Amino acid sequence: MENVNQAEFWQQRYEQDSISWDMGQVSPPLKAYIDQLPESAKDQAILVPGAGNAYEVGYLHEQGFTNVTLVDFAPAPIAAFAERYPNFPADKLICADFFELSADKYQFDWVLEQTFFCAINPSRRDEYVEQMAALLKPNGKLVGLLFDKDFGRQEPPFGGTKAEYQQRFEQRFDIEVIEQSDNSHPARQGSELFTKMRVKS
């Protein structure tokens, strides 16, 4: 399990096309969330960590969002994204460890969570919460999907429960929504929670 903390683990998965979690499209609940955002949101600073093939980042870019930052551990998906979107700002494509991003340098209005929390070693989940809170501006939001399922495995994706997430996140966030998604991809029907939470001041 420790391998998930290493960039090489993820690079190899992409090189071998061993990315079974990849749906090949924008997640429907996240597309629906993005579609209802006002025009004024399009210049907000948005982070998509552990973005992988980054369909949501591509969609945000296509819809005119101008300040989106993609972060991933592995070079392969970032290179592939840059090839698909040659006009995407190169300085917003960051190959780095999310946990090493400096809150002094990076601050975001909101973060889009999509299959990143489930990819990290579960022992780092509290660290994830702290880092998210640090990277968000006052009143910033964490929006996304969490698996509502125990996969019973020692490799990603790692699942969890609504109760666990509430217990972990409520220390640093006011949880506004955490409920079963009703518009998930067919392969994920009944196993995703849509969540929106705001960092505590």
N, C-alpha and C. Protein backbone atom coordinates (compact mmCIF):
# COMPACT_ATOMS: atom_id res chain seq x y z
N MET A 1 0.81 -1.21 0.00
CA MET A 1 0.00 0.00 0.00
C MET A 1 0.86 1.27 0.00
N GLU A 2 2.05 1.17 0.58
CA GLU A 2 2.90 2.35 0.67
C GLU A 2 3.25 2.92 -0.69
N ASN A 3 3.20 2.07 -1.73
CA ASN A 3 3.55 2.53 -3.06
C ASN A 3 2.71 3.71 -3.52
N VAL A 4 1.49 3.84 -3.01
CA VAL A 4 0.62 4.93 -3.46
C VAL A 4 1.17 6.29 -3.06
N ASN A 5 2.14 6.32 -2.15
CA ASN A 5 2.77 7.58 -1.77
C ASN A 5 3.90 7.96 -2.72
N GLN A 6 4.15 7.15 -3.72
CA GLN A 6 5.27 7.38 -4.63
C GLN A 6 4.76 7.72 -6.04
N ALA A 7 5.36 8.72 -6.64
CA ALA A 7 4.97 9.12 -7.99
C ALA A 7 5.15 7.97 -8.98
N GLU A 8 6.17 7.16 -8.75
CA GLU A 8 6.46 6.06 -9.69
C GLU A 8 5.31 5.07 -9.78
N PHE A 9 4.64 4.85 -8.66
CA PHE A 9 3.49 3.94 -8.64
C PHE A 9 2.43 4.41 -9.63
N TRP A 10 2.12 5.71 -9.58
CA TRP A 10 1.06 6.26 -10.44
C TRP A 10 1.52 6.38 -11.88
N GLN A 11 2.77 6.75 -12.08
CA GLN A 11 3.30 6.82 -13.44
C GLN A 11 3.18 5.47 -14.13
N GLN A 12 3.53 4.42 -13.42
CA GLN A 12 3.46 3.07 -13.97
C GLN A 12 2.03 2.68 -14.31
N ARG A 13 1.09 3.06 -13.45
CA ARG A 13 -0.31 2.73 -13.72
C ARG A 13 -0.76 3.37 -15.04
N TYR A 14 -0.36 4.62 -15.26
CA TYR A 14 -0.75 5.28 -16.51
C TYR A 14 -0.03 4.69 -17.71
N GLU A 15 1.25 4.39 -17.55
CA GLU A 15 2.00 3.82 -18.66
C GLU A 15 1.45 2.46 -19.07
N GLN A 16 0.93 1.71 -18.10
CA GLN A 16 0.37 0.38 -18.38
C GLN A 16 -1.13 0.42 -18.65
N ASP A 17 -1.68 1.63 -18.64
CA ASP A 17 -3.13 1.82 -18.82
C ASP A 17 -3.91 1.01 -17.79
N SER A 18 -3.36 0.93 -16.59
CA SER A 18 -4.02 0.22 -15.49
C SER A 18 -4.76 1.23 -14.62
N ILE A 19 -5.80 1.82 -15.21
CA ILE A 19 -6.52 2.91 -14.55
C ILE A 19 -8.02 2.62 -14.60
N SER A 20 -8.38 1.56 -13.91
CA SER A 20 -9.76 1.07 -13.97
C SER A 20 -10.77 2.08 -13.44
N TRP A 21 -10.31 3.03 -12.63
CA TRP A 21 -11.23 4.03 -12.07
C TRP A 21 -11.61 5.09 -13.11
N ASP A 22 -10.88 5.15 -14.21
CA ASP A 22 -11.06 6.20 -15.21
C ASP A 22 -12.33 5.94 -16.02
N MET A 23 -13.28 6.90 -15.98
CA MET A 23 -14.56 6.73 -16.68
C MET A 23 -14.50 7.22 -18.11
N GLY A 24 -13.42 7.91 -18.47
CA GLY A 24 -13.29 8.39 -19.83
C GLY A 24 -14.15 9.58 -20.16
N GLN A 25 -14.69 10.24 -19.14
CA GLN A 25 -15.57 11.38 -19.38
C GLN A 25 -15.69 12.21 -18.09
N VAL A 26 -16.26 13.39 -18.23
CA VAL A 26 -16.55 14.21 -17.07
C VAL A 26 -17.56 13.50 -16.19
N SER A 27 -17.34 13.49 -14.90
CA SER A 27 -18.31 12.87 -13.99
C SER A 27 -19.62 13.64 -14.05
N PRO A 28 -20.75 12.95 -14.29
CA PRO A 28 -22.02 13.66 -14.43
C PRO A 28 -22.39 14.56 -13.25
N PRO A 29 -22.23 14.13 -11.99
CA PRO A 29 -22.58 15.05 -10.90
C PRO A 29 -21.72 16.31 -10.89
N LEU A 30 -20.46 16.18 -11.25
CA LEU A 30 -19.58 17.34 -11.25
C LEU A 30 -19.87 18.25 -12.45
N LYS A 31 -20.22 17.67 -13.58
CA LYS A 31 -20.64 18.47 -14.72
C LYS A 31 -21.88 19.27 -14.36
N ALA A 32 -22.84 18.63 -13.69
CA ALA A 32 -24.07 19.32 -13.30
C ALA A 32 -23.76 20.47 -12.33
N TYR A 33 -22.81 20.24 -11.42
CA TYR A 33 -22.43 21.31 -10.49
C TYR A 33 -21.78 22.47 -11.24
N ILE A 34 -20.86 22.16 -12.13
CA ILE A 34 -20.17 23.20 -12.90
C ILE A 34 -21.17 23.99 -13.74
N ASP A 35 -22.13 23.29 -14.34
CA ASP A 35 -23.09 23.94 -15.25
C ASP A 35 -23.98 24.95 -14.54
N GLN A 36 -24.17 24.79 -13.23
CA GLN A 36 -25.07 25.72 -12.55
C GLN A 36 -24.33 26.91 -11.92
N LEU A 37 -23.02 26.94 -12.06
CA LEU A 37 -22.25 28.05 -11.49
C LEU A 37 -22.50 29.33 -12.28
N PRO A 38 -22.51 30.47 -11.60
CA PRO A 38 -22.74 31.74 -12.29
C PRO A 38 -21.51 32.17 -13.10
N GLU A 39 -21.74 33.06 -14.02
CA GLU A 39 -20.66 33.59 -14.86
C GLU A 39 -19.54 34.19 -14.00
N SER A 40 -19.91 34.76 -12.88
CA SER A 40 -18.93 35.42 -12.00
C SER A 40 -17.93 34.43 -11.40
N ALA A 41 -18.23 33.12 -11.45
CA ALA A 41 -17.33 32.12 -10.88
C ALA A 41 -16.18 31.79 -11.82
N LYS A 42 -16.23 32.27 -13.04
CA LYS A 42 -15.28 31.79 -14.05
C LYS A 42 -13.86 32.31 -13.87
N ASP A 43 -13.67 33.31 -13.00
CA ASP A 43 -12.30 33.74 -12.72
C ASP A 43 -11.84 33.33 -11.33
N GLN A 44 -12.63 32.52 -10.65
CA GLN A 44 -12.23 32.04 -9.34
C GLN A 44 -11.06 31.07 -9.45
N ALA A 45 -10.22 31.06 -8.42
CA ALA A 45 -9.08 30.13 -8.39
C ALA A 45 -9.57 28.76 -7.96
N ILE A 46 -9.41 27.78 -8.86
CA ILE A 46 -9.91 26.42 -8.64
C ILE A 46 -8.75 25.44 -8.69
N LEU A 47 -8.73 24.53 -7.75
CA LEU A 47 -7.73 23.46 -7.73
C LEU A 47 -8.40 22.12 -7.99
N VAL A 48 -7.79 21.32 -8.86
CA VAL A 48 -8.22 19.93 -9.06
C VAL A 48 -7.00 19.06 -8.77
N PRO A 49 -6.92 18.49 -7.56
CA PRO A 49 -5.73 17.70 -7.20
C PRO A 49 -5.88 16.24 -7.59
N GLY A 50 -4.73 15.59 -7.82
CA GLY A 50 -4.78 14.18 -8.22
C GLY A 50 -5.67 14.00 -9.42
N ALA A 51 -5.54 14.92 -10.38
CA ALA A 51 -6.55 15.05 -11.43
C ALA A 51 -6.51 13.92 -12.46
N GLY A 52 -5.40 13.21 -12.55
CA GLY A 52 -5.33 12.13 -13.54
C GLY A 52 -5.57 12.64 -14.94
N ASN A 53 -6.46 11.99 -15.68
CA ASN A 53 -6.74 12.43 -17.05
C ASN A 53 -7.58 13.71 -17.11
N ALA A 54 -8.04 14.16 -15.98
CA ALA A 54 -8.52 15.55 -15.80
C ALA A 54 -9.65 15.95 -16.75
N TYR A 55 -10.63 15.09 -16.89
CA TYR A 55 -11.77 15.44 -17.74
C TYR A 55 -12.50 16.68 -17.21
N GLU A 56 -12.57 16.80 -15.89
CA GLU A 56 -13.24 17.96 -15.30
C GLU A 56 -12.46 19.25 -15.56
N VAL A 57 -11.13 19.15 -15.51
CA VAL A 57 -10.31 20.33 -15.81
C VAL A 57 -10.52 20.76 -17.26
N GLY A 58 -10.53 19.78 -18.16
CA GLY A 58 -10.79 20.09 -19.56
C GLY A 58 -12.15 20.73 -19.75
N TYR A 59 -13.15 20.22 -19.06
CA TYR A 59 -14.50 20.77 -19.18
C TYR A 59 -14.56 22.20 -18.64
N LEU A 60 -13.94 22.43 -17.50
CA LEU A 60 -13.90 23.79 -16.95
C LEU A 60 -13.25 24.74 -17.95
N HIS A 61 -12.15 24.31 -18.54
CA HIS A 61 -11.43 25.12 -19.53
C HIS A 61 -12.34 25.41 -20.74
N GLU A 62 -13.02 24.40 -21.20
CA GLU A 62 -13.92 24.57 -22.36
C GLU A 62 -15.06 25.54 -22.06
N GLN A 63 -15.47 25.57 -20.81
CA GLN A 63 -16.59 26.44 -20.41
C GLN A 63 -16.14 27.86 -20.07
N GLY A 64 -14.85 28.13 -20.21
CA GLY A 64 -14.38 29.50 -20.02
C GLY A 64 -13.86 29.83 -18.64
N PHE A 65 -13.64 28.82 -17.80
CA PHE A 65 -13.03 29.08 -16.50
C PHE A 65 -11.53 29.34 -16.72
N THR A 66 -11.04 30.44 -16.19
CA THR A 66 -9.72 30.93 -16.59
C THR A 66 -8.63 30.73 -15.55
N ASN A 67 -8.98 30.22 -14.37
CA ASN A 67 -7.98 30.14 -13.30
C ASN A 67 -8.04 28.78 -12.61
N VAL A 68 -7.86 27.73 -13.41
CA VAL A 68 -7.95 26.36 -12.92
C VAL A 68 -6.54 25.77 -12.85
N THR A 69 -6.21 25.17 -11.73
CA THR A 69 -4.90 24.54 -11.54
C THR A 69 -5.06 23.04 -11.42
N LEU A 70 -4.32 22.31 -12.23
CA LEU A 70 -4.31 20.85 -12.21
C LEU A 70 -3.03 20.41 -11.51
N VAL A 71 -3.17 19.54 -10.53
CA VAL A 71 -2.01 18.97 -9.83
C VAL A 71 -2.08 17.46 -9.91
N ASP A 72 -0.98 16.84 -10.31
CA ASP A 72 -0.90 15.38 -10.26
C ASP A 72 0.53 14.97 -9.98
N PHE A 73 0.64 13.84 -9.31
CA PHE A 73 1.91 13.24 -8.93
C PHE A 73 2.69 12.74 -10.14
N ALA A 74 1.96 12.20 -11.12
CA ALA A 74 2.56 11.49 -12.25
C ALA A 74 2.68 12.41 -13.47
N PRO A 75 3.82 12.38 -14.14
CA PRO A 75 3.98 13.20 -15.34
C PRO A 75 3.09 12.78 -16.51
N ALA A 76 2.79 11.49 -16.65
CA ALA A 76 2.09 11.00 -17.83
C ALA A 76 0.73 11.66 -18.07
N PRO A 77 -0.17 11.72 -17.08
CA PRO A 77 -1.47 12.33 -17.37
C PRO A 77 -1.37 13.83 -17.62
N ILE A 78 -0.39 14.49 -17.01
CA ILE A 78 -0.23 15.92 -17.25
C ILE A 78 0.23 16.16 -18.69
N ALA A 79 1.17 15.35 -19.15
CA ALA A 79 1.63 15.48 -20.54
C ALA A 79 0.50 15.21 -21.51
N ALA A 80 -0.31 14.20 -21.21
CA ALA A 80 -1.44 13.86 -22.10
C ALA A 80 -2.46 14.99 -22.12
N PHE A 81 -2.71 15.60 -20.96
CA PHE A 81 -3.66 16.71 -20.90
C PHE A 81 -3.13 17.90 -21.70
N ALA A 82 -1.84 18.21 -21.56
CA ALA A 82 -1.25 19.33 -22.28
C ALA A 82 -1.34 19.12 -23.79
N GLU A 83 -1.27 17.88 -24.21
CA GLU A 83 -1.39 17.58 -25.63
C GLU A 83 -2.82 17.79 -26.11
N ARG A 84 -3.79 17.40 -25.26
CA ARG A 84 -5.20 17.57 -25.63
C ARG A 84 -5.62 19.04 -25.60
N TYR A 85 -5.02 19.80 -24.68
CA TYR A 85 -5.40 21.21 -24.50
C TYR A 85 -4.16 22.09 -24.60
N PRO A 86 -3.63 22.28 -25.81
CA PRO A 86 -2.39 23.04 -25.97
C PRO A 86 -2.50 24.50 -25.53
N ASN A 87 -3.73 25.02 -25.45
CA ASN A 87 -3.91 26.42 -25.04
C ASN A 87 -4.08 26.58 -23.53
N PHE A 88 -4.08 25.47 -22.81
CA PHE A 88 -4.22 25.56 -21.35
C PHE A 88 -2.92 26.14 -20.78
N PRO A 89 -3.01 27.08 -19.82
CA PRO A 89 -1.80 27.72 -19.29
C PRO A 89 -0.83 26.71 -18.68
N ALA A 90 0.39 26.70 -19.18
CA ALA A 90 1.38 25.72 -18.73
C ALA A 90 1.69 25.87 -17.25
N ASP A 91 1.61 27.11 -16.74
CA ASP A 91 1.95 27.32 -15.33
C ASP A 91 0.85 26.82 -14.39
N LYS A 92 -0.26 26.39 -14.97
CA LYS A 92 -1.36 25.83 -14.16
C LYS A 92 -1.35 24.30 -14.19
N LEU A 93 -0.36 23.72 -14.85
CA LEU A 93 -0.19 22.27 -14.87
C LEU A 93 0.99 21.93 -13.97
N ILE A 94 0.70 21.40 -12.81
CA ILE A 94 1.73 21.23 -11.79
C ILE A 94 1.94 19.75 -11.49
N CYS A 95 3.13 19.26 -11.77
CA CYS A 95 3.49 17.89 -11.43
C CYS A 95 4.16 17.92 -10.07
N ALA A 96 3.41 17.56 -9.04
CA ALA A 96 3.91 17.70 -7.68
C ALA A 96 3.07 16.85 -6.74
N ASP A 97 3.59 16.68 -5.54
CA ASP A 97 2.88 16.02 -4.46
C ASP A 97 1.94 17.04 -3.82
N PHE A 98 0.65 16.76 -3.89
CA PHE A 98 -0.35 17.64 -3.29
C PHE A 98 0.02 18.04 -1.86
N PHE A 99 0.53 17.09 -1.10
CA PHE A 99 0.83 17.35 0.31
C PHE A 99 2.01 18.29 0.50
N GLU A 100 2.74 18.53 -0.56
CA GLU A 100 3.88 19.44 -0.47
C GLU A 100 3.59 20.82 -1.06
N LEU A 101 2.37 21.05 -1.54
CA LEU A 101 2.01 22.38 -2.03
C LEU A 101 2.05 23.37 -0.86
N SER A 102 2.64 24.51 -1.09
CA SER A 102 2.77 25.52 -0.04
C SER A 102 1.54 26.42 -0.01
N ALA A 103 0.91 26.51 1.15
CA ALA A 103 -0.25 27.40 1.31
C ALA A 103 0.17 28.86 1.23
N ASP A 104 1.46 29.14 1.42
CA ASP A 104 1.94 30.51 1.26
C ASP A 104 1.94 30.92 -0.21
N LYS A 105 2.11 29.95 -1.08
CA LYS A 105 2.16 30.22 -2.52
C LYS A 105 0.82 30.01 -3.20
N TYR A 106 0.07 29.01 -2.75
CA TYR A 106 -1.17 28.64 -3.42
C TYR A 106 -2.37 28.83 -2.49
N GLN A 107 -3.37 29.57 -2.99
CA GLN A 107 -4.63 29.74 -2.29
C GLN A 107 -5.76 29.68 -3.31
N PHE A 108 -6.82 28.96 -2.96
CA PHE A 108 -7.89 28.70 -3.92
C PHE A 108 -9.25 29.06 -3.34
N ASP A 109 -10.15 29.46 -4.25
CA ASP A 109 -11.54 29.74 -3.86
C ASP A 109 -12.30 28.44 -3.61
N TRP A 110 -12.00 27.45 -4.44
CA TRP A 110 -12.61 26.13 -4.21
C TRP A 110 -11.78 25.03 -4.84
N VAL A 111 -12.00 23.84 -4.32
CA VAL A 111 -11.28 22.65 -4.77
C VAL A 111 -12.30 21.63 -5.27
N LEU A 112 -11.99 21.02 -6.39
CA LEU A 112 -12.85 19.97 -6.95
C LEU A 112 -12.22 18.61 -6.64
N GLU A 113 -12.92 17.81 -5.88
CA GLU A 113 -12.45 16.47 -5.48
C GLU A 113 -13.08 15.42 -6.38
N GLN A 114 -12.21 14.69 -7.09
CA GLN A 114 -12.69 13.62 -7.96
C GLN A 114 -11.65 12.51 -7.98
N THR A 115 -11.92 11.43 -7.27
CA THR A 115 -11.07 10.24 -7.18
C THR A 115 -9.63 10.56 -6.75
N PHE A 116 -9.47 11.57 -5.89
CA PHE A 116 -8.16 11.80 -5.29
C PHE A 116 -8.14 11.30 -3.85
N PHE A 117 -9.15 11.66 -3.08
CA PHE A 117 -9.23 11.21 -1.69
C PHE A 117 -9.16 9.69 -1.60
N CYS A 118 -9.80 9.01 -2.55
CA CYS A 118 -9.82 7.54 -2.54
C CYS A 118 -8.51 6.93 -3.02
N ALA A 119 -7.61 7.76 -3.57
CA ALA A 119 -6.36 7.24 -4.11
C ALA A 119 -5.21 7.31 -3.12
N ILE A 120 -5.33 8.18 -2.13
CA ILE A 120 -4.24 8.32 -1.17
C ILE A 120 -4.31 7.21 -0.13
N ASN A 121 -3.17 6.94 0.50
CA ASN A 121 -3.15 5.97 1.59
C ASN A 121 -4.14 6.43 2.67
N PRO A 122 -5.05 5.57 3.10
CA PRO A 122 -6.04 5.99 4.10
C PRO A 122 -5.42 6.56 5.38
N SER A 123 -4.20 6.20 5.67
CA SER A 123 -3.54 6.74 6.86
C SER A 123 -3.27 8.23 6.74
N ARG A 124 -3.42 8.78 5.52
CA ARG A 124 -3.14 10.20 5.30
C ARG A 124 -4.42 11.03 5.18
N ARG A 125 -5.55 10.47 5.52
CA ARG A 125 -6.80 11.19 5.30
C ARG A 125 -6.93 12.43 6.19
N ASP A 126 -6.49 12.35 7.42
CA ASP A 126 -6.53 13.56 8.26
C ASP A 126 -5.56 14.61 7.73
N GLU A 127 -4.44 14.16 7.21
CA GLU A 127 -3.47 15.09 6.60
C GLU A 127 -4.09 15.77 5.38
N TYR A 128 -4.86 15.01 4.62
CA TYR A 128 -5.58 15.58 3.47
C TYR A 128 -6.51 16.70 3.93
N VAL A 129 -7.27 16.45 4.98
CA VAL A 129 -8.21 17.45 5.48
C VAL A 129 -7.47 18.72 5.88
N GLU A 130 -6.36 18.57 6.58
CA GLU A 130 -5.59 19.73 7.02
C GLU A 130 -5.01 20.49 5.83
N GLN A 131 -4.50 19.77 4.85
CA GLN A 131 -3.91 20.44 3.68
C GLN A 131 -4.98 21.15 2.88
N MET A 132 -6.14 20.54 2.72
CA MET A 132 -7.23 21.19 2.00
C MET A 132 -7.63 22.50 2.70
N ALA A 133 -7.77 22.43 4.00
CA ALA A 133 -8.15 23.63 4.75
C ALA A 133 -7.10 24.73 4.59
N ALA A 134 -5.83 24.34 4.56
CA ALA A 134 -4.74 25.31 4.44
C ALA A 134 -4.72 25.98 3.07
N LEU A 135 -5.08 25.22 2.02
CA LEU A 135 -4.99 25.74 0.66
C LEU A 135 -6.20 26.57 0.24
N LEU A 136 -7.25 26.55 1.06
CA LEU A 136 -8.45 27.30 0.72
C LEU A 136 -8.43 28.69 1.33
N LYS A 137 -8.91 29.64 0.54
CA LYS A 137 -9.08 31.00 1.05
C LYS A 137 -10.18 31.01 2.11
N PRO A 138 -10.26 32.05 2.92
CA PRO A 138 -11.38 32.14 3.87
C PRO A 138 -12.72 31.97 3.14
N ASN A 139 -13.57 31.14 3.70
CA ASN A 139 -14.88 30.84 3.12
C ASN A 139 -14.78 29.95 1.88
N GLY A 140 -13.59 29.39 1.61
CA GLY A 140 -13.41 28.53 0.45
C GLY A 140 -14.15 27.22 0.57
N LYS A 141 -14.40 26.59 -0.57
CA LYS A 141 -15.23 25.38 -0.62
C LYS A 141 -14.45 24.18 -1.14
N LEU A 142 -14.81 23.02 -0.63
CA LEU A 142 -14.38 21.74 -1.16
C LEU A 142 -15.63 21.06 -1.71
N VAL A 143 -15.63 20.77 -3.00
CA VAL A 143 -16.79 20.21 -3.68
C VAL A 143 -16.36 18.95 -4.43
N GLY A 144 -17.16 17.90 -4.34
CA GLY A 144 -16.79 16.74 -5.12
C GLY A 144 -17.52 15.48 -4.73
N LEU A 145 -16.88 14.35 -5.06
CA LEU A 145 -17.48 13.04 -4.85
C LEU A 145 -16.58 12.17 -4.00
N LEU A 146 -17.19 11.42 -3.10
CA LEU A 146 -16.49 10.47 -2.25
C LEU A 146 -17.20 9.12 -2.38
N PHE A 147 -16.43 8.06 -2.39
CA PHE A 147 -17.04 6.73 -2.50
C PHE A 147 -17.77 6.37 -1.21
N ASP A 148 -19.00 5.92 -1.35
CA ASP A 148 -19.81 5.46 -0.22
C ASP A 148 -19.83 3.94 -0.26
N LYS A 149 -18.63 3.37 -0.12
CA LYS A 149 -18.50 1.94 -0.33
C LYS A 149 -17.16 1.47 0.22
N ASP A 150 -17.15 0.31 0.85
CA ASP A 150 -15.91 -0.31 1.30
C ASP A 150 -15.49 -1.33 0.26
N PHE A 151 -14.38 -1.07 -0.41
CA PHE A 151 -13.93 -1.96 -1.48
C PHE A 151 -13.21 -3.19 -0.94
N GLY A 152 -12.81 -3.15 0.34
CA GLY A 152 -12.15 -4.30 0.95
C GLY A 152 -10.88 -4.70 0.25
N ARG A 153 -10.06 -3.73 -0.09
CA ARG A 153 -8.85 -4.02 -0.83
C ARG A 153 -7.68 -3.22 -0.27
N GLN A 154 -6.48 -3.66 -0.63
CA GLN A 154 -5.27 -3.01 -0.15
C GLN A 154 -4.61 -2.15 -1.23
N GLU A 155 -5.38 -1.77 -2.23
CA GLU A 155 -4.89 -0.87 -3.26
C GLU A 155 -6.02 0.06 -3.66
N PRO A 156 -5.67 1.20 -4.27
CA PRO A 156 -6.73 2.15 -4.63
C PRO A 156 -7.63 1.61 -5.73
N PRO A 157 -8.90 2.07 -5.72
CA PRO A 157 -9.46 3.08 -4.83
C PRO A 157 -9.81 2.52 -3.45
N PHE A 158 -9.62 3.37 -2.44
CA PHE A 158 -9.98 3.02 -1.07
C PHE A 158 -11.31 3.70 -0.75
N GLY A 159 -12.25 2.93 -0.28
CA GLY A 159 -13.58 3.47 -0.02
C GLY A 159 -13.72 4.05 1.37
N GLY A 160 -14.97 4.20 1.78
CA GLY A 160 -15.26 4.77 3.09
C GLY A 160 -16.76 4.92 3.28
N THR A 161 -17.13 5.58 4.35
CA THR A 161 -18.54 5.75 4.68
C THR A 161 -18.85 7.22 4.97
N LYS A 162 -20.10 7.55 4.85
CA LYS A 162 -20.56 8.90 5.15
C LYS A 162 -20.20 9.29 6.58
N ALA A 163 -20.39 8.37 7.50
CA ALA A 163 -20.09 8.66 8.91
C ALA A 163 -18.60 8.97 9.11
N GLU A 164 -17.76 8.20 8.45
CA GLU A 164 -16.31 8.45 8.56
C GLU A 164 -15.96 9.83 8.01
N TYR A 165 -16.49 10.15 6.85
CA TYR A 165 -16.16 11.42 6.23
C TYR A 165 -16.64 12.59 7.11
N GLN A 166 -17.84 12.47 7.64
CA GLN A 166 -18.34 13.53 8.51
C GLN A 166 -17.42 13.72 9.71
N GLN A 167 -17.02 12.62 10.31
CA GLN A 167 -16.15 12.70 11.48
C GLN A 167 -14.82 13.35 11.15
N ARG A 168 -14.26 13.02 10.00
CA ARG A 168 -12.96 13.57 9.62
C ARG A 168 -13.03 15.04 9.23
N PHE A 169 -14.00 15.37 8.40
CA PHE A 169 -14.03 16.71 7.82
C PHE A 169 -14.61 17.77 8.75
N GLU A 170 -15.49 17.37 9.66
CA GLU A 170 -16.17 18.38 10.47
C GLU A 170 -15.23 19.12 11.42
N GLN A 171 -14.01 18.61 11.59
CA GLN A 171 -13.04 19.31 12.42
C GLN A 171 -12.62 20.64 11.78
N ARG A 172 -12.57 20.65 10.45
CA ARG A 172 -12.07 21.84 9.75
C ARG A 172 -13.07 22.46 8.76
N PHE A 173 -14.18 21.77 8.54
CA PHE A 173 -15.14 22.23 7.55
C PHE A 173 -16.56 22.22 8.10
N ASP A 174 -17.35 23.15 7.61
CA ASP A 174 -18.80 23.10 7.80
C ASP A 174 -19.37 22.33 6.62
N ILE A 175 -19.93 21.16 6.88
CA ILE A 175 -20.44 20.31 5.81
C ILE A 175 -21.85 20.77 5.43
N GLU A 176 -21.99 21.28 4.22
CA GLU A 176 -23.28 21.79 3.76
C GLU A 176 -24.10 20.69 3.10
N VAL A 177 -23.43 19.82 2.36
CA VAL A 177 -24.10 18.71 1.68
C VAL A 177 -23.19 17.50 1.73
N ILE A 178 -23.74 16.36 2.09
CA ILE A 178 -23.06 15.08 1.88
C ILE A 178 -24.16 14.04 1.75
N GLU A 179 -24.47 13.72 0.51
CA GLU A 179 -25.63 12.86 0.26
C GLU A 179 -25.40 12.00 -0.98
N GLN A 180 -26.14 10.93 -1.05
CA GLN A 180 -26.03 10.00 -2.18
C GLN A 180 -26.29 10.77 -3.48
N SER A 181 -25.38 10.61 -4.42
CA SER A 181 -25.55 11.25 -5.73
C SER A 181 -26.65 10.53 -6.50
N ASP A 182 -27.53 11.31 -7.11
CA ASP A 182 -28.62 10.69 -7.88
C ASP A 182 -28.39 10.75 -9.38
N ASN A 183 -27.23 11.26 -9.78
CA ASN A 183 -26.96 11.36 -11.22
C ASN A 183 -25.54 10.87 -11.56
N SER A 184 -25.09 9.85 -10.84
CA SER A 184 -23.76 9.30 -11.08
C SER A 184 -23.68 8.56 -12.41
N HIS A 185 -22.47 8.37 -12.86
CA HIS A 185 -22.21 7.50 -14.01
C HIS A 185 -22.80 6.12 -13.70
N PRO A 186 -23.37 5.43 -14.69
CA PRO A 186 -23.99 4.13 -14.42
C PRO A 186 -23.10 3.17 -13.65
N ALA A 187 -21.80 3.19 -13.91
CA ALA A 187 -20.89 2.27 -13.21
C ALA A 187 -20.72 2.62 -11.73
N ARG A 188 -21.18 3.81 -11.35
CA ARG A 188 -21.00 4.24 -9.96
C ARG A 188 -22.32 4.56 -9.26
N GLN A 189 -23.42 4.17 -9.88
CA GLN A 189 -24.72 4.40 -9.26
C GLN A 189 -24.77 3.75 -7.89
N GLY A 190 -25.22 4.51 -6.90
CA GLY A 190 -25.38 3.97 -5.56
C GLY A 190 -24.11 3.88 -4.74
N SER A 191 -22.98 4.35 -5.30
CA SER A 191 -21.73 4.22 -4.56
C SER A 191 -20.97 5.53 -4.41
N GLU A 192 -21.63 6.65 -4.73
CA GLU A 192 -20.98 7.96 -4.62
C GLU A 192 -21.79 8.90 -3.75
N LEU A 193 -21.07 9.66 -2.95
CA LEU A 193 -21.66 10.76 -2.19
C LEU A 193 -21.21 12.08 -2.81
N PHE A 194 -22.18 12.93 -3.11
CA PHE A 194 -21.83 14.29 -3.53
C PHE A 194 -21.68 15.13 -2.26
N THR A 195 -20.61 15.89 -2.20
CA THR A 195 -20.39 16.69 -1.00
C THR A 195 -19.97 18.11 -1.35
N LYS A 196 -20.43 19.02 -0.54
CA LYS A 196 -20.00 20.42 -0.61
C LYS A 196 -19.79 20.89 0.81
N MET A 197 -18.61 21.39 1.09
CA MET A 197 -18.30 21.84 2.44
C MET A 197 -17.47 23.11 2.38
N ARG A 198 -17.55 23.89 3.44
CA ARG A 198 -16.89 25.19 3.48
C ARG A 198 -15.90 25.21 4.64
N VAL A 199 -14.70 25.71 4.37
CA VAL A 199 -13.67 25.72 5.40
C VAL A 199 -14.09 26.64 6.55
N LYS A 200 -13.86 26.18 7.76
CA LYS A 200 -14.21 26.98 8.93
C LYS A 200 -13.24 28.15 9.07
N SER A 201 -13.77 29.27 9.53
CA SER A 201 -12.91 30.45 9.70
C SER A 201 -12.12 30.35 11.00
